[in-house]
Amino acid sequence: AKFELRRAGEHKEGVNQIAARADKKIAAVACWDGMVRIYGIKKPRPLATLKCHSKGVQSVTFSPDSKWLASASDDTRIALWSIFQDD
């Protein structure tokens, strides 16, 4: 399935990376504005905005068990996020 951010929501700033969780239910987006945005994939819609970084987020990746999301930013921080997974 093709994931298009234009359908999921408007981005005023750019995007550096998109990572899909292993179950392909959600995607994390590393944004230039310092936010990590979480979107549904099957029905593209915004689910959450994660705020921690003060500069652009360069990378996002899910842990192999899909319980954690890591984000890395130009502010030299790495953040770990606990991500809800419905079974």
PDB file of N, CA and C in Angstrom:
ATOM      1  N   ALA A   1       0.841  -1.182   0.000  1.00  0.00           N
ATOM      2  CA  ALA A   1       0.000   0.000   0.000  1.00  0.00           C
ATOM      3  C   ALA A   1       0.879   1.236   0.000  1.00  0.00           C
ATOM      4  N   LYS A   2       0.495   2.176  -0.796  1.00  0.00           N
ATOM      5  CA  LYS A   2       1.253   3.412  -0.910  1.00  0.00           C
ATOM      6  C   LYS A   2       0.782   4.387   0.164  1.00  0.00           C
ATOM      7  N   PHE A   3       1.732   4.975   0.871  1.00  0.00           N
ATOM      8  CA  PHE A   3       1.418   5.919   1.940  1.00  0.00           C
ATOM      9  C   PHE A   3       1.746   7.322   1.448  1.00  0.00           C
ATOM     10  N   GLU A   4       0.763   8.183   1.436  1.00  0.00           N
ATOM     11  CA  GLU A   4       0.960   9.555   0.976  1.00  0.00           C
ATOM     12  C   GLU A   4       0.630  10.525   2.083  1.00  0.00           C
ATOM     13  N   LEU A   5       1.612  11.351   2.451  1.00  0.00           N
ATOM     14  CA  LEU A   5       1.395  12.338   3.503  1.00  0.00           C
ATOM     15  C   LEU A   5       0.384  13.394   3.096  1.00  0.00           C
ATOM     16  N   ARG A   6       0.251  13.637   1.824  1.00  0.00           N
ATOM     17  CA  ARG A   6      -0.731  14.635   1.383  1.00  0.00           C
ATOM     18  C   ARG A   6      -2.141  14.240   1.808  1.00  0.00           C
ATOM     19  N   ARG A   7      -2.414  12.966   1.824  1.00  0.00           N
ATOM     20  CA  ARG A   7      -3.731  12.501   2.255  1.00  0.00           C
ATOM     21  C   ARG A   7      -3.860  12.527   3.770  1.00  0.00           C
ATOM     22  N   ALA A   8      -2.750  12.249   4.453  1.00  0.00           N
ATOM     23  CA  ALA A   8      -2.788  12.106   5.903  1.00  0.00           C
ATOM     24  C   ALA A   8      -2.846  13.446   6.622  1.00  0.00           C
ATOM     25  N   GLY A   9      -2.286  14.474   6.062  1.00  0.00           N
ATOM     26  CA  GLY A   9      -2.280  15.773   6.726  1.00  0.00           C
ATOM     27  C   GLY A   9      -1.307  16.709   6.048  1.00  0.00           C
ATOM     28  N   GLU A  10      -1.482  17.965   6.292  1.00  0.00           N
ATOM     29  CA  GLU A  10      -0.632  18.968   5.681  1.00  0.00           C
ATOM     30  C   GLU A  10       0.651  19.144   6.469  1.00  0.00           C
ATOM     31  N   HIS A  11       1.753  19.267   5.758  1.00  0.00           N
ATOM     32  CA  HIS A  11       3.047  19.556   6.371  1.00  0.00           C
ATOM     33  C   HIS A  11       3.517  20.905   5.859  1.00  0.00           C
ATOM     34  N   LYS A  12       3.668  21.854   6.763  1.00  0.00           N
ATOM     35  CA  LYS A  12       4.185  23.161   6.380  1.00  0.00           C
ATOM     36  C   LYS A  12       5.695  23.114   6.228  1.00  0.00           C
ATOM     37  N   GLU A  13       6.316  22.179   6.922  1.00  0.00           N
ATOM     38  CA  GLU A  13       7.758  21.976   6.862  1.00  0.00           C
ATOM     39  C   GLU A  13       8.012  20.664   6.115  1.00  0.00           C
ATOM     40  N   GLY A  14       9.273  20.379   5.857  1.00  0.00           N
ATOM     41  CA  GLY A  14       9.619  19.172   5.122  1.00  0.00           C
ATOM     42  C   GLY A  14       9.729  17.944   6.007  1.00  0.00           C
ATOM     43  N   VAL A  15       9.989  16.829   5.352  1.00  0.00           N
ATOM     44  CA  VAL A  15      10.095  15.530   5.998  1.00  0.00           C
ATOM     45  C   VAL A  15      11.445  14.927   5.649  1.00  0.00           C
ATOM     46  N   ASN A  16      12.137  14.362   6.644  1.00  0.00           N
ATOM     47  CA  ASN A  16      13.419  13.709   6.396  1.00  0.00           C
ATOM     48  C   ASN A  16      13.295  12.209   6.188  1.00  0.00           C
ATOM     49  N   GLN A  17      12.398  11.565   6.924  1.00  0.00           N
ATOM     50  CA  GLN A  17      12.299  10.111   6.833  1.00  0.00           C
ATOM     51  C   GLN A  17      10.915   9.647   7.291  1.00  0.00           C
ATOM     52  N   ILE A  18      10.489   8.525   6.727  1.00  0.00           N
ATOM     53  CA  ILE A  18       9.252   7.861   7.156  1.00  0.00           C
ATOM     54  C   ILE A  18       9.609   6.407   7.465  1.00  0.00           C
ATOM     55  N   ALA A  19       9.154   5.920   8.624  1.00  0.00           N
ATOM     56  CA  ALA A  19       9.381   4.523   8.997  1.00  0.00           C
ATOM     57  C   ALA A  19       8.048   3.885   9.354  1.00  0.00           C
ATOM     58  N   ALA A  20       7.794   2.706   8.804  1.00  0.00           N
ATOM     59  CA  ALA A  20       6.569   1.964   9.114  1.00  0.00           C
ATOM     60  C   ALA A  20       6.855   0.937  10.196  1.00  0.00           C
ATOM     61  N   ARG A  21       5.909   0.793  11.122  1.00  0.00           N
ATOM     62  CA  ARG A  21       6.019  -0.254  12.137  1.00  0.00           C
ATOM     63  C   ARG A  21       5.869  -1.612  11.447  1.00  0.00           C
ATOM     64  N   ALA A  22       6.424  -2.654  12.034  1.00  0.00           N
ATOM     65  CA  ALA A  22       6.435  -3.992  11.416  1.00  0.00           C
ATOM     66  C   ALA A  22       5.047  -4.497  11.036  1.00  0.00           C
ATOM     67  N   ASP A  23       4.020  -4.148  11.828  1.00  0.00           N
ATOM     68  CA  ASP A  23       2.662  -4.614  11.517  1.00  0.00           C
ATOM     69  C   ASP A  23       1.980  -3.770  10.437  1.00  0.00           C
ATOM     70  N   LYS A  24       2.665  -2.746   9.961  1.00  0.00           N
ATOM     71  CA  LYS A  24       2.173  -1.863   8.882  1.00  0.00           C
ATOM     72  C   LYS A  24       0.876  -1.134   9.238  1.00  0.00           C
ATOM     73  N   LYS A  25       0.626  -0.930  10.546  1.00  0.00           N
ATOM     74  CA  LYS A  25      -0.565  -0.195  10.965  1.00  0.00           C
ATOM     75  C   LYS A  25      -0.294   1.292  11.135  1.00  0.00           C
ATOM     76  N   ILE A  26       0.926   1.642  11.549  1.00  0.00           N
ATOM     77  CA  ILE A  26       1.265   3.051  11.743  1.00  0.00           C
ATOM     78  C   ILE A  26       2.625   3.356  11.130  1.00  0.00           C
ATOM     79  N   ALA A  27       2.840   4.633  10.863  1.00  0.00           N
ATOM     80  CA  ALA A  27       4.124   5.119  10.360  1.00  0.00           C
ATOM     81  C   ALA A  27       4.545   6.317  11.195  1.00  0.00           C
ATOM     82  N   ALA A  28       5.854   6.440  11.406  1.00  0.00           N
ATOM     83  CA  ALA A  28       6.432   7.590  12.092  1.00  0.00           C
ATOM     84  C   ALA A  28       7.123   8.459  11.049  1.00  0.00           C
ATOM     85  N   VAL A  29       6.964   9.763  11.196  1.00  0.00           N
ATOM     86  CA  VAL A  29       7.525  10.711  10.237  1.00  0.00           C
ATOM     87  C   VAL A  29       8.476  11.652  10.964  1.00  0.00           C
ATOM     88  N   ALA A  30       9.730  11.727  10.492  1.00  0.00           N
ATOM     89  CA  ALA A  30      10.741  12.642  11.036  1.00  0.00           C
ATOM     90  C   ALA A  30      10.617  13.969  10.297  1.00  0.00           C
ATOM     91  N   CYS A  31      10.247  15.015  11.009  1.00  0.00           N
ATOM     92  CA  CYS A  31       9.932  16.292  10.369  1.00  0.00           C
ATOM     93  C   CYS A  31      10.983  17.371  10.642  1.00  0.00           C
ATOM     94  N   TRP A  32      11.124  18.278   9.694  1.00  0.00           N
ATOM     95  CA  TRP A  32      12.077  19.389   9.801  1.00  0.00           C
ATOM     96  C   TRP A  32      11.764  20.304  10.973  1.00  0.00           C
ATOM     97  N   ASP A  33      10.501  20.369  11.383  1.00  0.00           N
ATOM     98  CA  ASP A  33      10.107  21.303  12.448  1.00  0.00           C
ATOM     99  C   ASP A  33      10.396  20.769  13.849  1.00  0.00           C
ATOM    100  N   GLY A  34      11.097  19.630  13.962  1.00  0.00           N
ATOM    101  CA  GLY A  34      11.454  19.065  15.257  1.00  0.00           C
ATOM    102  C   GLY A  34      10.423  18.122  15.835  1.00  0.00           C
ATOM    103  N   MET A  35       9.368  17.867  15.109  1.00  0.00           N
ATOM    104  CA  MET A  35       8.304  16.972  15.581  1.00  0.00           C
ATOM    105  C   MET A  35       8.445  15.594  14.951  1.00  0.00           C
ATOM    106  N   VAL A  36       7.947  14.599  15.673  1.00  0.00           N
ATOM    107  CA  VAL A  36       7.754  13.260  15.128  1.00  0.00           C
ATOM    108  C   VAL A  36       6.249  13.079  15.055  1.00  0.00           C
ATOM    109  N   ARG A  37       5.756  12.795  13.874  1.00  0.00           N
ATOM    110  CA  ARG A  37       4.313  12.628  13.702  1.00  0.00           C
ATOM    111  C   ARG A  37       4.010  11.164  13.413  1.00  0.00           C
ATOM    112  N   ILE A  38       2.941  10.683  14.049  1.00  0.00           N
ATOM    113  CA  ILE A  38       2.504   9.301  13.884  1.00  0.00           C
ATOM    114  C   ILE A  38       1.207   9.311  13.075  1.00  0.00           C
ATOM    115  N   TYR A  39       1.171   8.467  12.042  1.00  0.00           N
ATOM    116  CA  TYR A  39       0.001   8.384  11.161  1.00  0.00           C
ATOM    117  C   TYR A  39      -0.472   6.948  11.047  1.00  0.00           C
ATOM    118  N   GLY A  40      -1.781   6.782  10.862  1.00  0.00           N
ATOM    119  CA  GLY A  40      -2.322   5.482  10.487  1.00  0.00           C
ATOM    120  C   GLY A  40      -1.972   5.240   9.029  1.00  0.00           C
ATOM    121  N   ILE A  41      -1.720   4.010   8.657  1.00  0.00           N
ATOM    122  CA  ILE A  41      -1.363   3.709   7.262  1.00  0.00           C
ATOM    123  C   ILE A  41      -2.579   3.280   6.458  1.00  0.00           C
ATOM    124  N   LYS A  42      -3.377   2.360   6.994  1.00  0.00           N
ATOM    125  CA  LYS A  42      -4.535   1.856   6.244  1.00  0.00           C
ATOM    126  C   LYS A  42      -5.518   2.988   5.943  1.00  0.00           C
ATOM    127  N   LYS A  43      -5.809   3.776   6.960  1.00  0.00           N
ATOM    128  CA  LYS A  43      -6.628   4.979   6.793  1.00  0.00           C
ATOM    129  C   LYS A  43      -5.739   6.158   7.153  1.00  0.00           C
ATOM    130  N   PRO A  44      -5.051   6.734   6.165  1.00  0.00           N
ATOM    131  CA  PRO A  44      -4.070   7.787   6.469  1.00  0.00           C
ATOM    132  C   PRO A  44      -4.691   8.969   7.216  1.00  0.00           C
ATOM    133  N   ARG A  45      -4.347   9.039   8.505  1.00  0.00           N
ATOM    134  CA  ARG A  45      -4.814  10.150   9.328  1.00  0.00           C
ATOM    135  C   ARG A  45      -3.813  10.361  10.454  1.00  0.00           C
ATOM    136  N   PRO A  46      -3.677  11.590  10.921  1.00  0.00           N
ATOM    137  CA  PRO A  46      -2.758  11.850  12.034  1.00  0.00           C
ATOM    138  C   PRO A  46      -3.271  11.208  13.320  1.00  0.00           C
ATOM    139  N   LEU A  47      -2.376  10.566  14.061  1.00  0.00           N
ATOM    140  CA  LEU A  47      -2.735   9.935  15.325  1.00  0.00           C
ATOM    141  C   LEU A  47      -2.081  10.635  16.513  1.00  0.00           C
ATOM    142  N   ALA A  48      -0.859  11.157  16.324  1.00  0.00           N
ATOM    143  CA  ALA A  48      -0.141  11.800  17.426  1.00  0.00           C
ATOM    144  C   ALA A  48       0.977  12.678  16.885  1.00  0.00           C
ATOM    145  N   THR A  49       1.333  13.679  17.669  1.00  0.00           N
ATOM    146  CA  THR A  49       2.516  14.498  17.409  1.00  0.00           C
ATOM    147  C   THR A  49       3.384  14.416  18.655  1.00  0.00           C
ATOM    148  N   LEU A  50       4.613  13.953  18.478  1.00  0.00           N
ATOM    149  CA  LEU A  50       5.547  13.767  19.586  1.00  0.00           C
ATOM    150  C   LEU A  50       6.525  14.939  19.604  1.00  0.00           C
ATOM    151  N   LYS A  51       6.582  15.627  20.745  1.00  0.00           N
ATOM    152  CA  LYS A  51       7.413  16.825  20.873  1.00  0.00           C
ATOM    153  C   LYS A  51       8.529  16.571  21.871  1.00  0.00           C
ATOM    154  N   CYS A  52       9.765  16.701  21.418  1.00  0.00           N
ATOM    155  CA  CYS A  52      10.918  16.563  22.300  1.00  0.00           C
ATOM    156  C   CYS A  52      12.101  17.348  21.758  1.00  0.00           C
ATOM    157  N   HIS A  53      12.218  17.372  20.450  1.00  0.00           N
ATOM    158  CA  HIS A  53      13.400  17.942  19.811  1.00  0.00           C
ATOM    159  C   HIS A  53      13.239  19.438  19.528  1.00  0.00           C
ATOM    160  N   SER A  54      14.370  20.142  19.600  1.00  0.00           N
ATOM    161  CA  SER A  54      14.354  21.587  19.345  1.00  0.00           C
ATOM    162  C   SER A  54      14.835  21.941  17.935  1.00  0.00           C
ATOM    163  N   LYS A  55      15.310  20.939  17.206  1.00  0.00           N
ATOM    164  CA  LYS A  55      15.734  21.129  15.808  1.00  0.00           C
ATOM    165  C   LYS A  55      15.172  19.984  14.984  1.00  0.00           C
ATOM    166  N   GLY A  56      15.402  20.026  13.691  1.00  0.00           N
ATOM    167  CA  GLY A  56      14.844  19.036  12.786  1.00  0.00           C
ATOM    168  C   GLY A  56      15.174  17.605  13.159  1.00  0.00           C
ATOM    169  N   VAL A  57      14.194  16.725  13.022  1.00  0.00           N
ATOM    170  CA  VAL A  57      14.377  15.304  13.278  1.00  0.00           C
ATOM    171  C   VAL A  57      14.897  14.666  11.993  1.00  0.00           C
ATOM    172  N   GLN A  58      16.013  13.965  12.101  1.00  0.00           N
ATOM    173  CA  GLN A  58      16.655  13.369  10.931  1.00  0.00           C
ATOM    174  C   GLN A  58      16.256  11.918  10.690  1.00  0.00           C
ATOM    175  N   SER A  59      15.960  11.200  11.774  1.00  0.00           N
ATOM    176  CA  SER A  59      15.752   9.765  11.626  1.00  0.00           C
ATOM    177  C   SER A  59      14.729   9.248  12.639  1.00  0.00           C
ATOM    178  N   VAL A  60      13.943   8.266  12.218  1.00  0.00           N
ATOM    179  CA  VAL A  60      13.014   7.549  13.089  1.00  0.00           C
ATOM    180  C   VAL A  60      13.104   6.064  12.759  1.00  0.00           C
ATOM    181  N   THR A  61      13.012   5.236  13.790  1.00  0.00           N
ATOM    182  CA  THR A  61      13.022   3.790  13.576  1.00  0.00           C
ATOM    183  C   THR A  61      12.286   3.089  14.717  1.00  0.00           C
ATOM    184  N   PHE A  62      11.577   2.027  14.383  1.00  0.00           N
ATOM    185  CA  PHE A  62      10.879   1.222  15.374  1.00  0.00           C
ATOM    186  C   PHE A  62      11.784   0.092  15.837  1.00  0.00           C
ATOM    187  N   SER A  63      11.647  -0.303  17.102  1.00  0.00           N
ATOM    188  CA  SER A  63      12.368  -1.463  17.620  1.00  0.00           C
ATOM    189  C   SER A  63      11.808  -2.723  16.963  1.00  0.00           C
ATOM    190  N   PRO A  64      12.584  -3.809  16.950  1.00  0.00           N
ATOM    191  CA  PRO A  64      12.100  -5.049  16.322  1.00  0.00           C
ATOM    192  C   PRO A  64      10.781  -5.566  16.902  1.00  0.00           C
ATOM    193  N   ASP A  65      10.538  -5.320  18.204  1.00  0.00           N
ATOM    194  CA  ASP A  65       9.281  -5.777  18.811  1.00  0.00           C
ATOM    195  C   ASP A  65       8.154  -4.749  18.667  1.00  0.00           C
ATOM    196  N   SER A  66       8.434  -3.633  18.015  1.00  0.00           N
ATOM    197  CA  SER A  66       7.460  -2.565  17.722  1.00  0.00           C
ATOM    198  C   SER A  66       6.946  -1.824  18.955  1.00  0.00           C
ATOM    199  N   LYS A  67       7.561  -2.021  20.100  1.00  0.00           N
ATOM    200  CA  LYS A  67       7.097  -1.354  21.319  1.00  0.00           C
ATOM    201  C   LYS A  67       7.737   0.011  21.518  1.00  0.00           C
ATOM    202  N   TRP A  68       8.834   0.268  20.831  1.00  0.00           N
ATOM    203  CA  TRP A  68       9.567   1.523  20.989  1.00  0.00           C
ATOM    204  C   TRP A  68       9.824   2.177  19.645  1.00  0.00           C
ATOM    205  N   LEU A  69       9.884   3.495  19.692  1.00  0.00           N
ATOM    206  CA  LEU A  69      10.261   4.294  18.532  1.00  0.00           C
ATOM    207  C   LEU A  69      11.434   5.165  18.970  1.00  0.00           C
ATOM    208  N   ALA A  70      12.486   5.196  18.168  1.00  0.00           N
ATOM    209  CA  ALA A  70      13.624   6.067  18.444  1.00  0.00           C
ATOM    210  C   ALA A  70      13.628   7.186  17.412  1.00  0.00           C
ATOM    211  N   SER A  71      13.940   8.392  17.873  1.00  0.00           N
ATOM    212  CA  SER A  71      14.088   9.529  16.960  1.00  0.00           C
ATOM    213  C   SER A  71      15.416  10.226  17.257  1.00  0.00           C
ATOM    214  N   ALA A  72      16.073  10.698  16.208  1.00  0.00           N
ATOM    215  CA  ALA A  72      17.347  11.401  16.345  1.00  0.00           C
ATOM    216  C   ALA A  72      17.232  12.735  15.628  1.00  0.00           C
ATOM    217  N   SER A  73      17.799  13.768  16.257  1.00  0.00           N
ATOM    218  CA  SER A  73      17.595  15.131  15.775  1.00  0.00           C
ATOM    219  C   SER A  73      18.911  15.889  15.622  1.00  0.00           C
ATOM    220  N   ASP A  74      18.843  16.994  14.875  1.00  0.00           N
ATOM    221  CA  ASP A  74      19.973  17.916  14.741  1.00  0.00           C
ATOM    222  C   ASP A  74      20.331  18.574  16.069  1.00  0.00           C
ATOM    223  N   ASP A  75      19.470  18.475  17.070  1.00  0.00           N
ATOM    224  CA  ASP A  75      19.775  19.047  18.386  1.00  0.00           C
ATOM    225  C   ASP A  75      20.690  18.123  19.200  1.00  0.00           C
ATOM    226  N   THR A  76      21.171  17.053  18.579  1.00  0.00           N
ATOM    227  CA  THR A  76      22.080  16.032  19.134  1.00  0.00           C
ATOM    228  C   THR A  76      21.401  15.120  20.159  1.00  0.00           C
ATOM    229  N   ARG A  77      20.094  15.134  20.246  1.00  0.00           N
ATOM    230  CA  ARG A  77      19.364  14.254  21.164  1.00  0.00           C
ATOM    231  C   ARG A  77      18.815  13.037  20.426  1.00  0.00           C
ATOM    232  N   ILE A  78      18.736  11.953  21.177  1.00  0.00           N
ATOM    233  CA  ILE A  78      18.016  10.764  20.727  1.00  0.00           C
ATOM    234  C   ILE A  78      16.893  10.552  21.724  1.00  0.00           C
ATOM    235  N   ALA A  79      15.684  10.393  21.234  1.00  0.00           N
ATOM    236  CA  ALA A  79      14.530  10.183  22.112  1.00  0.00           C
ATOM    237  C   ALA A  79      13.983   8.778  21.887  1.00  0.00           C
ATOM    238  N   LEU A  80      13.547   8.147  22.969  1.00  0.00           N
ATOM    239  CA  LEU A  80      12.875   6.853  22.905  1.00  0.00           C
ATOM    240  C   LEU A  80      11.434   7.048  23.330  1.00  0.00           C
ATOM    241  N   TRP A  81      10.522   6.561  22.518  1.00  0.00           N
ATOM    242  CA  TRP A  81       9.094   6.725  22.755  1.00  0.00           C
ATOM    243  C   TRP A  81       8.469   5.354  22.923  1.00  0.00           C
ATOM    244  N   SER A  82       7.656   5.193  23.952  1.00  0.00           N
ATOM    245  CA  SER A  82       6.882   3.974  24.133  1.00  0.00           C
ATOM    246  C   SER A  82       5.656   4.081  23.220  1.00  0.00           C
ATOM    247  N   ILE A  83       5.505   3.114  22.339  1.00  0.00           N
ATOM    248  CA  ILE A  83       4.425   3.166  21.344  1.00  0.00           C
ATOM    249  C   ILE A  83       3.409   2.078  21.647  1.00  0.00           C
ATOM    250  N   PHE A  84       2.150   2.482  21.810  1.00  0.00           N
ATOM    251  CA  PHE A  84       1.062   1.543  22.069  1.00  0.00           C
ATOM    252  C   PHE A  84       0.897   0.611  20.878  1.00  0.00           C
ATOM    253  N   GLN A  85       0.728  -0.659  21.183  1.00  0.00           N
ATOM    254  CA  GLN A  85       0.471  -1.641  20.128  1.00  0.00           C
ATOM    255  C   GLN A  85      -0.739  -2.467  20.511  1.00  0.00           C
ATOM    256  N   ASP A  86      -1.800  -2.361  19.716  1.00  0.00           N
ATOM    257  CA  ASP A  86      -2.979  -3.178  20.012  1.00  0.00           C
ATOM    258  C   ASP A  86      -2.783  -4.558  19.387  1.00  0.00           C
ATOM    259  N   ASP A  87      -3.052  -5.584  20.152  1.00  0.00           N
ATOM    260  CA  ASP A  87      -2.805  -6.948  19.686  1.00  0.00           C
ATOM    261  C   ASP A  87      -3.991  -7.525  19.056  1.00  0.00           C
TER     262      ASP A  87
END
